N, C-alpha and C. Protein backbone atom coordinates (compact mmCIF):
# COMPACT_ATOMS: atom_id res chain seq x y z
N MET A 1 70.67 131.49 86.33
CA MET A 1 71.86 131.78 86.78
C MET A 1 70.95 133.15 88.30
N LYS A 2 70.58 134.22 87.37
CA LYS A 2 69.79 135.12 88.21
C LYS A 2 68.76 134.18 89.01
N LYS A 3 68.40 133.58 88.71
CA LYS A 3 67.43 133.28 89.48
C LYS A 3 67.66 132.22 91.02
N LEU A 4 69.43 132.14 90.31
CA LEU A 4 69.44 131.17 91.90
C LEU A 4 70.27 132.38 92.16
N VAL A 5 70.60 133.34 92.03
CA VAL A 5 71.45 134.37 93.02
C VAL A 5 70.63 134.96 93.75
N LEU A 6 69.10 135.23 93.51
CA LEU A 6 67.76 135.92 93.93
C LEU A 6 67.57 134.82 95.03
N LEU A 7 67.74 133.66 94.90
CA LEU A 7 67.43 132.53 95.62
C LEU A 7 68.44 132.69 97.08
N ALA A 8 69.17 131.78 96.38
CA ALA A 8 70.93 133.00 97.42
C ALA A 8 70.67 133.75 98.33
N SER A 9 70.41 135.06 97.60
CA SER A 9 70.55 136.08 97.92
C SER A 9 69.03 136.30 99.78
N ALA A 10 68.17 135.78 98.67
CA ALA A 10 66.95 136.56 99.80
C ALA A 10 67.21 135.17 100.96
N ALA A 11 67.80 133.99 101.14
CA ALA A 11 67.90 132.62 102.27
C ALA A 11 68.87 133.93 102.99
N LEU A 12 69.88 134.98 102.32
CA LEU A 12 70.91 135.31 103.70
C LEU A 12 70.26 136.57 104.15
N ILE A 13 69.66 137.50 103.11
CA ILE A 13 68.34 138.50 103.48
C ILE A 13 67.91 138.09 104.48
N ALA A 14 66.65 136.75 104.54
CA ALA A 14 66.21 136.58 105.00
C ALA A 14 66.03 136.06 106.84
N THR A 15 67.47 135.93 106.61
CA THR A 15 67.83 135.53 108.39
C THR A 15 67.80 136.90 109.49
N THR A 16 67.54 137.67 108.51
CA THR A 16 67.57 138.77 109.50
C THR A 16 66.37 139.35 110.47
N GLY A 17 65.56 138.84 109.88
CA GLY A 17 64.35 137.97 110.30
C GLY A 17 63.81 137.33 111.80
N VAL A 18 65.09 135.92 111.11
CA VAL A 18 65.37 134.87 112.64
C VAL A 18 65.88 135.72 113.77
N ALA A 19 66.33 136.51 113.63
CA ALA A 19 66.80 137.21 114.64
C ALA A 19 65.94 138.07 115.69
N LEU A 20 64.70 137.77 115.69
CA LEU A 20 64.25 138.71 115.87
C LEU A 20 62.88 137.10 117.29
N ALA A 21 63.68 135.05 116.63
CA ALA A 21 63.51 134.32 117.04
C ALA A 21 64.39 134.21 117.92
N GLN A 22 65.32 134.76 117.57
CA GLN A 22 66.64 134.10 118.73
C GLN A 22 67.33 135.69 119.35
N THR A 23 68.08 135.78 120.27
CA THR A 23 68.31 136.58 121.07
C THR A 23 70.22 136.44 121.71
N ALA A 24 71.15 136.98 121.98
CA ALA A 24 72.24 136.93 122.12
C ALA A 24 72.87 135.73 123.47
N THR A 25 71.20 135.82 124.62
CA THR A 25 71.54 135.44 125.46
C THR A 25 71.53 133.57 125.02
N THR A 26 72.08 132.94 125.31
CA THR A 26 72.28 131.50 125.38
C THR A 26 72.21 130.73 126.37
N THR A 27 71.45 129.90 126.44
CA THR A 27 71.08 128.82 127.72
C THR A 27 72.57 128.04 128.19
N PRO A 28 73.16 128.37 129.42
CA PRO A 28 73.78 127.05 129.42
C PRO A 28 74.42 126.23 129.98
N THR A 29 75.44 126.10 128.89
CA THR A 29 75.76 124.05 129.00
C THR A 29 77.65 124.42 129.12
N ALA A 30 77.92 123.51 129.34
CA ALA A 30 78.87 122.70 129.58
C ALA A 30 79.82 123.18 128.84
N ASN A 31 79.65 123.52 127.31
CA ASN A 31 80.91 123.52 126.85
C ASN A 31 80.07 124.82 126.08
N ALA A 32 80.86 126.44 125.56
CA ALA A 32 80.73 126.68 125.14
C ALA A 32 79.74 127.06 124.05
N ALA A 33 81.10 125.98 123.39
CA ALA A 33 81.29 126.03 121.35
C ALA A 33 79.46 125.57 121.18
N THR A 34 78.60 124.75 122.04
CA THR A 34 77.82 124.05 121.65
C THR A 34 76.65 124.97 122.14
N ALA A 35 76.48 126.06 123.18
CA ALA A 35 75.95 126.89 123.76
C ALA A 35 74.77 127.26 122.23
N ARG A 36 73.51 127.43 122.63
CA ARG A 36 72.55 127.44 121.26
C ARG A 36 71.47 128.60 121.82
N PRO A 37 70.87 129.83 121.46
CA PRO A 37 70.35 131.46 122.08
C PRO A 37 69.12 130.37 122.32
N ASP A 38 68.78 131.06 123.44
CA ASP A 38 67.18 130.82 124.04
C ASP A 38 66.09 131.92 123.55
N ARG A 39 65.73 130.87 122.76
CA ARG A 39 64.22 130.70 122.14
C ARG A 39 63.66 131.49 122.82
N ASN A 40 63.57 131.65 124.02
CA ASN A 40 62.01 131.90 124.29
C ASN A 40 62.65 133.44 125.37
N ALA A 41 63.93 133.59 125.32
CA ALA A 41 64.05 135.00 126.00
C ALA A 41 63.68 135.98 124.98
N ASP A 42 63.24 136.69 125.92
CA ASP A 42 62.86 137.92 125.29
C ASP A 42 63.87 139.04 124.79
N ILE A 43 63.66 139.41 123.58
CA ILE A 43 64.37 140.16 122.49
C ILE A 43 63.75 141.45 122.54
N THR A 44 65.35 142.92 123.09
CA THR A 44 65.03 144.24 122.64
C THR A 44 64.99 144.78 121.90
N ARG A 45 64.56 145.46 121.11
CA ARG A 45 64.61 146.72 119.80
C ARG A 45 66.24 146.64 119.45
N GLN A 46 66.86 147.17 120.91
CA GLN A 46 68.41 147.57 120.76
C GLN A 46 69.17 146.16 119.71
N GLN A 47 68.85 144.91 120.41
CA GLN A 47 69.38 143.48 120.11
C GLN A 47 69.37 142.98 118.20
N VAL A 48 68.43 143.75 118.53
CA VAL A 48 67.81 143.29 116.75
C VAL A 48 68.11 144.29 116.48
N ILE A 49 69.22 145.37 116.59
CA ILE A 49 69.14 146.01 115.68
C ILE A 49 71.13 145.99 115.57
N GLU A 50 71.36 145.57 116.80
CA GLU A 50 72.89 145.05 116.99
C GLU A 50 73.11 143.98 115.97
N ARG A 51 71.67 143.18 115.85
CA ARG A 51 72.22 141.20 115.08
C ARG A 51 72.07 142.21 114.11
N ALA A 52 71.22 142.81 113.51
CA ALA A 52 70.99 143.18 112.31
C ALA A 52 72.44 143.60 111.27
N ASP A 53 73.10 144.36 112.46
CA ASP A 53 74.01 145.06 112.27
C ASP A 53 75.05 143.59 111.50
N GLN A 54 75.43 143.54 112.88
CA GLN A 54 76.26 142.03 112.59
C GLN A 54 76.40 141.19 110.98
N ARG A 55 75.16 140.46 110.93
CA ARG A 55 74.54 140.26 109.65
C ARG A 55 75.29 140.62 108.64
N PHE A 56 74.59 141.69 108.47
CA PHE A 56 75.36 142.72 107.42
C PHE A 56 77.19 142.98 107.23
N ALA A 57 77.71 142.80 107.97
CA ALA A 57 78.73 142.90 108.20
C ALA A 57 79.28 141.44 107.30
N ARG A 58 78.75 140.72 107.59
CA ARG A 58 78.89 138.75 107.66
C ARG A 58 78.63 138.93 105.66
N LEU A 59 77.40 139.53 105.36
CA LEU A 59 77.27 139.66 103.84
C LEU A 59 78.07 140.20 102.76
N ASP A 60 78.12 141.74 103.36
CA ASP A 60 79.20 142.69 102.28
C ASP A 60 80.51 141.83 102.45
N LEU A 61 80.66 140.87 101.62
CA LEU A 61 81.97 140.89 101.36
C LEU A 61 83.61 141.64 101.31
N ASN A 62 82.72 142.20 100.52
CA ASN A 62 84.24 143.29 99.95
C ASN A 62 84.30 144.77 100.70
N ARG A 63 83.29 145.11 102.14
CA ARG A 63 83.03 146.11 102.88
C ARG A 63 83.26 147.34 101.44
N ASP A 64 82.27 147.47 101.12
CA ASP A 64 81.35 148.60 100.18
C ASP A 64 80.54 148.90 101.02
N GLY A 65 79.90 148.75 101.92
CA GLY A 65 78.75 149.16 102.30
C GLY A 65 77.62 148.54 102.24
N ARG A 66 77.25 148.04 100.30
CA ARG A 66 76.57 147.25 99.37
C ARG A 66 76.04 145.47 99.55
N PHE A 67 75.69 145.48 100.53
CA PHE A 67 75.01 143.59 99.66
C PHE A 67 74.89 143.74 98.47
N THR A 68 75.17 143.04 97.70
CA THR A 68 74.53 142.62 96.09
C THR A 68 74.34 140.90 95.85
N PRO A 69 73.73 141.25 94.89
CA PRO A 69 72.86 139.89 94.65
C PRO A 69 74.67 139.00 94.23
N GLU A 70 75.73 139.32 93.46
CA GLU A 70 76.84 138.75 93.54
C GLU A 70 77.39 138.25 94.93
N GLU A 71 77.67 139.05 95.54
CA GLU A 71 77.76 138.32 96.98
C GLU A 71 76.90 137.13 97.89
N GLY A 72 75.77 137.92 96.97
CA GLY A 72 74.88 136.11 97.42
C GLY A 72 74.93 134.96 96.96
N GLN A 73 75.48 135.50 95.81
CA GLN A 73 75.56 134.46 95.19
C GLN A 73 77.78 133.55 96.10
N GLN A 74 77.89 134.32 95.52
CA GLN A 74 79.77 134.17 96.18
C GLN A 74 79.34 133.61 97.58
N LEU A 75 78.10 133.94 98.75
CA LEU A 75 78.18 133.95 99.70
C LEU A 75 77.83 132.44 99.99
N ALA A 76 76.65 131.67 98.38
CA ALA A 76 75.50 130.90 98.90
C ALA A 76 76.93 128.91 98.25
N GLU A 77 77.88 129.27 97.45
CA GLU A 77 78.87 129.33 96.64
C GLU A 77 79.99 128.60 97.61
N GLN A 78 80.01 128.82 98.62
CA GLN A 78 80.75 129.00 99.87
C GLN A 78 80.48 128.55 101.00
N ARG A 79 78.77 128.15 100.82
CA ARG A 79 77.87 127.51 101.76
C ARG A 79 78.11 126.59 100.90
N ARG A 80 78.15 125.76 99.75
CA ARG A 80 78.23 124.59 99.41
C ARG A 80 79.07 123.62 99.69
N THR A 81 80.55 124.37 99.42
CA THR A 81 81.80 124.37 99.40
C THR A 81 81.85 123.74 100.61
N GLN A 82 81.39 123.81 101.72
CA GLN A 82 81.20 124.09 103.78
C GLN A 82 80.45 122.80 103.49
N ARG A 83 79.19 122.37 103.16
CA ARG A 83 78.05 121.85 103.33
C ARG A 83 79.00 120.08 103.14
N ALA A 84 79.72 120.68 101.81
CA ALA A 84 80.17 118.95 100.48
C ALA A 84 81.55 118.62 101.64
N ASP A 85 82.56 120.06 102.33
CA ASP A 85 83.66 119.32 102.96
C ASP A 85 83.32 118.89 104.62
N ARG A 86 81.98 119.55 104.85
CA ARG A 86 81.22 118.38 106.07
C ARG A 86 80.76 117.44 106.08
N MET A 87 80.72 117.45 104.20
CA MET A 87 79.71 115.43 103.81
C MET A 87 80.98 114.56 104.07
N PHE A 88 81.99 115.42 103.38
CA PHE A 88 83.08 114.37 103.03
C PHE A 88 83.73 113.74 104.69
N GLU A 89 83.46 114.88 105.31
CA GLU A 89 84.72 114.32 106.45
C GLU A 89 83.69 113.13 107.58
N ARG A 90 82.00 113.54 107.77
CA ARG A 90 81.33 112.33 108.70
C ARG A 90 81.30 111.15 107.60
N LEU A 91 81.58 111.03 106.14
CA LEU A 91 81.82 109.79 105.40
C LEU A 91 83.01 109.11 105.37
N ASP A 92 84.34 110.12 105.80
CA ASP A 92 85.79 109.64 105.97
C ASP A 92 85.70 109.17 107.84
N LEU A 93 85.06 108.21 107.70
CA LEU A 93 85.33 108.23 109.17
C LEU A 93 86.86 107.72 110.37
N ASN A 94 88.01 107.21 109.81
CA ASN A 94 88.86 106.49 109.71
C ASN A 94 90.23 108.08 109.62
N ARG A 95 89.15 109.37 109.11
CA ARG A 95 90.09 110.09 108.45
C ARG A 95 91.78 109.76 107.80
N ASP A 96 91.53 109.13 106.70
CA ASP A 96 92.29 109.06 105.75
C ASP A 96 92.59 109.47 104.75
N GLY A 97 91.16 110.38 104.40
CA GLY A 97 91.26 111.02 103.06
C GLY A 97 90.37 109.90 102.04
N ASN A 98 90.23 108.95 102.85
CA ASN A 98 89.71 108.06 101.06
C ASN A 98 88.51 108.01 102.12
N ILE A 99 86.98 107.50 101.09
CA ILE A 99 85.69 106.89 101.58
C ILE A 99 85.70 105.48 101.00
N THR A 100 85.59 103.86 102.24
CA THR A 100 85.84 103.21 101.66
C THR A 100 83.99 102.62 101.37
N ARG A 101 84.20 101.67 101.03
CA ARG A 101 82.76 101.34 101.02
C ARG A 101 81.94 100.99 102.27
N GLU A 102 82.97 100.03 103.11
CA GLU A 102 82.43 99.28 104.46
C GLU A 102 82.27 101.02 105.25
N GLU A 103 82.63 102.30 104.95
CA GLU A 103 82.95 103.60 105.89
C GLU A 103 81.14 104.29 105.40
N MET A 104 81.01 103.75 103.92
CA MET A 104 79.89 104.59 103.22
C MET A 104 78.63 103.60 103.65
N GLY A 105 78.61 102.81 104.15
CA GLY A 105 77.58 101.96 104.84
C GLY A 105 77.47 102.08 106.07
N GLN A 106 78.56 102.13 106.86
CA GLN A 106 78.35 102.93 108.25
C GLN A 106 77.24 103.97 108.67
N ALA A 107 77.82 104.62 107.47
CA ALA A 107 76.79 106.11 106.94
C ALA A 107 76.24 106.23 106.72
N ARG A 108 75.25 105.32 106.53
CA ARG A 108 74.10 105.30 105.67
C ARG A 108 73.47 104.53 107.18
N ASN A 109 73.67 103.59 107.71
CA ASN A 109 73.57 102.91 108.84
C ASN A 109 72.63 104.33 109.77
N GLN A 110 73.91 105.53 110.24
CA GLN A 110 73.88 106.60 110.51
C GLN A 110 72.82 107.75 110.52
N ARG A 111 72.83 108.11 109.19
CA ARG A 111 71.67 108.40 108.92
C ARG A 111 70.23 107.77 108.60
N ALA A 112 70.29 106.56 108.57
CA ALA A 112 69.06 105.82 109.10
C ALA A 112 68.38 106.14 110.75
N GLU A 113 69.97 105.76 111.43
CA GLU A 113 69.16 106.26 112.60
C GLU A 113 69.03 107.51 113.59
N GLN A 114 69.54 108.93 112.74
CA GLN A 114 69.02 110.59 112.79
C GLN A 114 68.24 110.47 112.47
N ARG A 115 67.99 109.81 110.84
CA ARG A 115 66.19 110.11 110.16
C ARG A 115 65.07 109.41 111.78
N GLY A 116 65.45 109.04 112.00
CA GLY A 116 64.53 108.10 112.99
C GLY A 116 63.50 108.93 113.56
N ALA A 117 64.85 109.73 114.41
CA ALA A 117 65.26 110.52 115.70
C ALA A 117 64.48 111.69 115.14
N ARG A 118 64.90 112.21 113.87
CA ARG A 118 64.41 113.54 113.62
C ARG A 118 62.89 113.18 113.46
N ARG A 119 62.98 112.21 112.95
CA ARG A 119 61.04 112.03 113.03
C ARG A 119 60.29 112.03 114.22
N ALA A 120 61.01 111.53 115.04
CA ALA A 120 60.13 111.61 115.98
C ALA A 120 60.26 112.87 116.93
N GLU A 121 60.99 113.45 117.37
CA GLU A 121 61.49 114.57 117.14
C GLU A 121 59.96 115.20 116.47
N ALA A 122 60.26 115.30 115.26
CA ALA A 122 59.16 116.23 114.27
C ALA A 122 57.52 115.48 114.52
N GLY A 123 57.42 114.59 115.37
CA GLY A 123 55.66 114.35 115.68
C GLY A 123 55.74 115.13 116.87
N GLU A 124 56.98 114.86 117.53
CA GLU A 124 56.11 116.19 119.11
C GLU A 124 56.29 116.85 118.53
N HIS A 125 56.36 117.55 118.07
CA HIS A 125 57.16 119.09 117.27
C HIS A 125 55.40 119.65 116.51
N ALA A 126 54.96 118.46 115.84
CA ALA A 126 53.82 118.68 115.42
C ALA A 126 52.43 118.94 116.21
N GLU A 127 52.25 118.05 117.42
CA GLU A 127 51.49 117.96 118.29
C GLU A 127 51.49 119.31 119.14
N ARG A 128 52.55 119.80 119.33
CA ARG A 128 51.46 121.10 120.36
C ARG A 128 51.90 122.32 118.66
N ARG A 129 52.62 122.29 117.80
CA ARG A 129 51.75 123.42 117.10
C ARG A 129 51.21 122.91 115.80
N GLY A 130 50.56 121.34 115.71
CA GLY A 130 49.97 121.69 114.72
C GLY A 130 50.54 121.40 113.28
N HIS A 131 49.45 120.34 111.68
CA HIS A 131 50.62 119.85 111.36
C HIS A 131 50.85 120.72 109.77
N HIS A 132 48.84 122.05 109.86
CA HIS A 132 49.56 122.79 109.45
C HIS A 132 50.31 124.07 109.50
N GLY A 133 50.46 124.49 110.84
CA GLY A 133 52.31 125.36 110.75
C GLY A 133 53.31 124.38 110.60
N ARG A 134 53.56 123.04 110.50
CA ARG A 134 54.42 122.63 109.82
C ARG A 134 54.32 122.78 108.32
N ARG A 135 53.41 122.67 107.45
CA ARG A 135 53.50 123.06 106.54
C ARG A 135 53.72 124.28 105.44
N PHE A 136 53.31 125.28 106.77
CA PHE A 136 53.63 126.58 106.11
C PHE A 136 54.46 127.04 106.87
N MET A 137 56.12 126.30 107.11
CA MET A 137 57.29 126.82 107.74
C MET A 137 58.18 126.01 106.44
N ARG A 138 57.58 124.93 106.38
CA ARG A 138 58.37 124.22 104.74
C ARG A 138 57.88 124.86 103.75
N GLY A 139 57.35 125.01 103.66
CA GLY A 139 56.81 126.54 101.93
C GLY A 139 57.59 127.53 102.31
N HIS A 140 57.31 127.81 103.12
CA HIS A 140 58.57 129.14 103.65
C HIS A 140 59.27 129.68 103.57
N GLY A 141 59.97 127.82 103.85
CA GLY A 141 61.36 128.28 103.33
C GLY A 141 61.97 127.02 102.54
N ARG A 142 61.55 126.99 101.72
CA ARG A 142 62.47 126.41 100.35
C ARG A 142 61.28 126.62 99.22
N HIS A 143 60.18 127.13 99.32
CA HIS A 143 59.28 126.95 97.76
C HIS A 143 60.10 128.36 96.74
N GLY A 144 60.27 128.53 96.11
CA GLY A 144 61.73 128.90 95.02
C GLY A 144 60.79 130.15 94.83
N GLY A 145 58.74 130.39 94.68
CA GLY A 145 58.05 131.40 94.38
C GLY A 145 58.47 132.74 95.69
N PHE A 146 58.42 132.49 97.00
CA PHE A 146 58.42 133.43 97.63
C PHE A 146 59.76 133.24 97.73
N ALA A 147 60.62 132.62 97.34
CA ALA A 147 62.40 133.31 97.65
C ALA A 147 62.57 134.44 96.61
N MET A 148 61.46 134.10 95.63
CA MET A 148 62.63 134.73 94.25
C MET A 148 61.96 136.24 94.52
N ARG A 149 60.40 136.09 94.94
CA ARG A 149 59.67 137.75 95.04
C ARG A 149 60.76 138.51 96.42
N GLY A 150 60.98 137.55 97.45
CA GLY A 150 61.96 138.07 98.77
C GLY A 150 63.00 138.94 98.24
N GLY A 151 63.68 137.91 97.02
CA GLY A 151 64.50 138.51 96.64
C GLY A 151 64.55 139.93 96.07
N GLU A 152 63.52 139.83 95.09
CA GLU A 152 62.85 141.22 94.54
C GLU A 152 63.16 142.51 94.60
N ARG A 153 61.91 141.68 96.15
CA ARG A 153 61.74 143.80 97.34
C ARG A 153 62.71 143.71 98.45
N MET A 154 63.68 142.66 98.05
CA MET A 154 65.18 143.45 98.53
C MET A 154 66.40 144.05 97.90
N PHE A 155 66.58 143.92 97.22
CA PHE A 155 67.27 144.23 96.09
C PHE A 155 66.73 145.72 95.71
N GLY A 156 65.25 145.36 95.62
CA GLY A 156 64.56 146.60 94.49
C GLY A 156 65.59 147.35 93.03
N GLU A 157 65.25 148.29 92.23
CA GLU A 157 66.21 148.69 91.39
C GLU A 157 67.46 148.59 91.72
N GLN A 158 67.84 149.41 93.07
CA GLN A 158 69.04 149.84 92.97
C GLN A 158 69.69 148.83 93.09
N GLY A 159 69.12 147.66 93.28
CA GLY A 159 70.38 146.36 92.88
C GLY A 159 70.95 145.90 94.53
N PHE A 160 71.05 146.75 95.06
CA PHE A 160 72.32 146.31 96.50
C PHE A 160 70.88 146.93 98.29
N VAL A 161 71.64 146.53 98.75
CA VAL A 161 71.26 146.27 100.26
C VAL A 161 72.19 146.96 101.25
N THR A 162 71.66 148.14 101.84
CA THR A 162 73.16 149.21 102.47
C THR A 162 72.81 148.01 104.08
N ALA A 163 73.39 148.71 104.95
CA ALA A 163 73.51 148.28 106.36
C ALA A 163 72.08 148.94 106.53
N GLU A 164 72.08 150.03 106.87
CA GLU A 164 70.94 151.11 106.75
C GLU A 164 69.77 150.32 106.42
N GLN A 165 69.51 150.28 105.39
CA GLN A 165 67.98 149.58 104.90
C GLN A 165 67.71 148.17 105.95
N MET A 166 69.17 147.47 105.48
CA MET A 166 68.61 145.74 106.15
C MET A 166 68.82 145.98 108.35
N ARG A 167 68.75 147.29 108.76
CA ARG A 167 68.93 147.71 110.27
C ARG A 167 66.35 148.53 109.79
N THR A 168 66.41 148.92 109.06
CA THR A 168 65.53 149.62 108.79
C THR A 168 63.90 149.00 109.06
N ARG A 169 63.92 147.57 107.76
CA ARG A 169 64.06 146.78 107.95
C ARG A 169 63.14 145.63 109.06
N ALA A 170 64.78 145.15 109.57
CA ALA A 170 64.76 144.18 110.77
C ALA A 170 63.84 145.23 112.35
N VAL A 171 63.86 146.39 112.20
CA VAL A 171 62.56 146.62 113.30
C VAL A 171 61.57 147.45 113.16
N GLU A 172 61.58 147.63 111.30
CA GLU A 172 60.47 147.48 111.20
C GLU A 172 59.51 145.96 111.31
N ARG A 173 60.65 145.14 111.02
CA ARG A 173 59.59 143.55 111.64
C ARG A 173 59.19 143.42 113.21
N PHE A 174 60.03 143.98 113.98
CA PHE A 174 59.90 143.70 115.58
C PHE A 174 59.43 144.30 115.80
N ASP A 175 58.76 145.87 115.08
CA ASP A 175 57.74 147.19 115.46
C ASP A 175 56.42 146.17 115.97
N ARG A 176 55.75 145.42 114.30
CA ARG A 176 55.06 144.86 114.15
C ARG A 176 54.49 144.02 114.68
N MET A 177 56.26 142.95 115.55
CA MET A 177 55.33 142.24 116.30
C MET A 177 55.26 142.40 118.02
N ASP A 178 55.92 143.81 118.31
CA ASP A 178 56.13 144.08 119.11
C ASP A 178 54.07 145.08 120.16
N ILE A 179 53.99 143.79 120.73
CA ILE A 179 51.83 144.47 120.12
C ILE A 179 52.26 145.18 121.05
N ASN A 180 52.38 145.17 122.48
CA ASN A 180 52.34 146.05 123.63
C ASN A 180 52.97 148.14 123.17
N ARG A 181 54.16 147.60 122.29
CA ARG A 181 54.83 148.76 122.11
C ARG A 181 55.94 148.51 123.40
N ASP A 182 56.23 147.97 123.98
CA ASP A 182 57.18 147.86 124.61
C ASP A 182 58.49 148.22 124.89
N GLY A 183 59.08 147.73 123.39
CA GLY A 183 60.12 147.99 122.79
C GLY A 183 60.79 146.75 123.50
N THR A 184 60.26 145.67 124.18
CA THR A 184 60.72 144.30 124.03
C THR A 184 59.81 143.35 123.30
N LEU A 185 60.61 142.34 122.80
CA LEU A 185 59.77 141.46 122.27
C LEU A 185 60.23 139.97 123.06
N THR A 186 58.26 139.66 123.18
CA THR A 186 58.34 138.23 124.61
C THR A 186 58.11 136.50 123.36
N ALA A 187 58.28 135.85 124.25
CA ALA A 187 57.89 134.48 123.41
C ALA A 187 56.41 134.26 122.89
N ALA A 188 55.16 135.02 124.14
CA ALA A 188 53.65 135.00 123.53
C ALA A 188 53.68 135.61 122.25
N GLU A 189 54.37 136.90 122.63
CA GLU A 189 54.34 137.77 121.28
C GLU A 189 54.80 137.34 119.82
N ARG A 190 56.42 136.92 119.79
CA ARG A 190 56.33 136.06 119.15
C ARG A 190 55.86 134.94 118.19
N GLN A 191 55.09 134.54 119.51
CA GLN A 191 53.88 133.29 118.35
C GLN A 191 52.78 133.73 118.28
N GLN A 192 52.00 134.80 118.93
CA GLN A 192 50.85 135.95 117.71
C GLN A 192 51.51 136.55 116.81
N ALA A 193 53.00 136.38 116.32
CA ALA A 193 53.39 137.08 115.11
C ALA A 193 53.45 136.16 114.25
N ARG A 194 53.38 134.73 114.31
CA ARG A 194 53.54 133.83 113.50
C ARG A 194 51.83 133.36 113.25
N GLN A 195 51.46 133.52 114.76
CA GLN A 195 49.91 132.76 113.69
C GLN A 195 49.05 133.32 112.71
N GLN A 196 49.77 134.77 113.39
CA GLN A 196 49.08 136.02 112.01
C GLN A 196 49.81 135.90 110.61
N MET A 197 50.95 135.28 110.84
CA MET A 197 51.43 135.03 109.33
C MET A 197 50.81 134.10 108.38
N ARG A 198 50.92 133.12 109.29
CA ARG A 198 50.52 131.97 109.20
C ARG A 198 49.09 131.90 108.37
N GLU A 199 48.36 133.04 109.48
CA GLU A 199 46.33 133.58 108.40
C GLU A 199 46.91 134.34 107.82
N GLN A 200 47.27 134.88 107.45
CA GLN A 200 47.90 135.88 106.18
C GLN A 200 47.83 134.86 105.04
N PHE A 201 49.26 134.31 105.92
CA PHE A 201 49.23 133.08 103.83
C PHE A 201 48.11 132.85 103.75
N ARG A 202 47.62 131.78 105.12
CA ARG A 202 46.45 131.18 104.46
C ARG A 202 44.98 132.22 103.49
N GLN A 203 45.02 132.99 104.01
CA GLN A 203 44.64 134.61 102.92
C GLN A 203 44.93 134.55 102.06
N ASN A 204 46.08 134.42 101.83
CA ASN A 204 46.64 134.73 100.08
C ASN A 204 45.93 133.52 99.41
N ARG A 205 46.43 133.00 99.79
CA ARG A 205 46.07 131.56 99.02
C ARG A 205 44.52 131.35 98.45
N GLN A 206 44.27 131.35 99.21
CA GLN A 206 42.84 131.01 98.97
C GLN A 206 42.59 132.53 98.11
N ALA A 207 42.72 133.43 98.12
CA ALA A 207 43.34 134.90 97.38
C ALA A 207 43.43 133.72 95.83
N ARG A 208 44.44 133.55 95.23
CA ARG A 208 45.32 132.59 94.39
C ARG A 208 44.56 131.75 93.96
N GLN A 209 43.97 131.73 94.25
CA GLN A 209 43.11 130.46 94.05
C GLN A 209 41.40 130.41 93.48
N ASN A 210 41.23 131.67 93.98
CA ASN A 210 40.05 132.28 93.58
C ASN A 210 39.97 133.00 92.53
N ASP A 211 41.10 133.86 92.12
CA ASP A 211 42.37 135.10 90.50
C ASP A 211 41.66 133.02 89.47
N GLY A 212 42.34 132.24 90.46
CA GLY A 212 42.71 131.41 89.13
C GLY A 212 41.72 130.59 88.63
């Protein structure tokens, strides 16, 4: 149970870092509901602070100024329930509250088509950033050991995270990536930071292998 709490909480906390790869500016679309952040847009230090505060407000469920492992577990359970509901809605094609064999078959066909499209898209991305980069992102996004260590670092001995701590960590990450110290993070700076992280990860893994 403790591992589940830390994994869920670390995953939620880690999204603060994602704010550095996104901005409030969205690409124009016909439907505002489907608008997505422009990943190539510049990000200011103030935007990072605002997004960290917004994210903390979503994590602090009881509004006591602390994000705890228990809240992380609660949020993870909510997300699982939401995923289950969305899955049922996708399978229940005629919206009658029941899932038939025919609907299951149609859903399988749709998933197969979607997997094919994703694989084609993933192949295009792999050509642009290289196979090693893709493996790096998978390892950091899914491996329990990494998330476990992240959760322990986040909550520490005090057992919770405050809005100020989350804001400070987001700003520290921003400052490390803001190479020219102009208070604005460009796509080029983010790309360079990702490359440095990959190299650091490679060196750490090599060191662990040598120690073993």
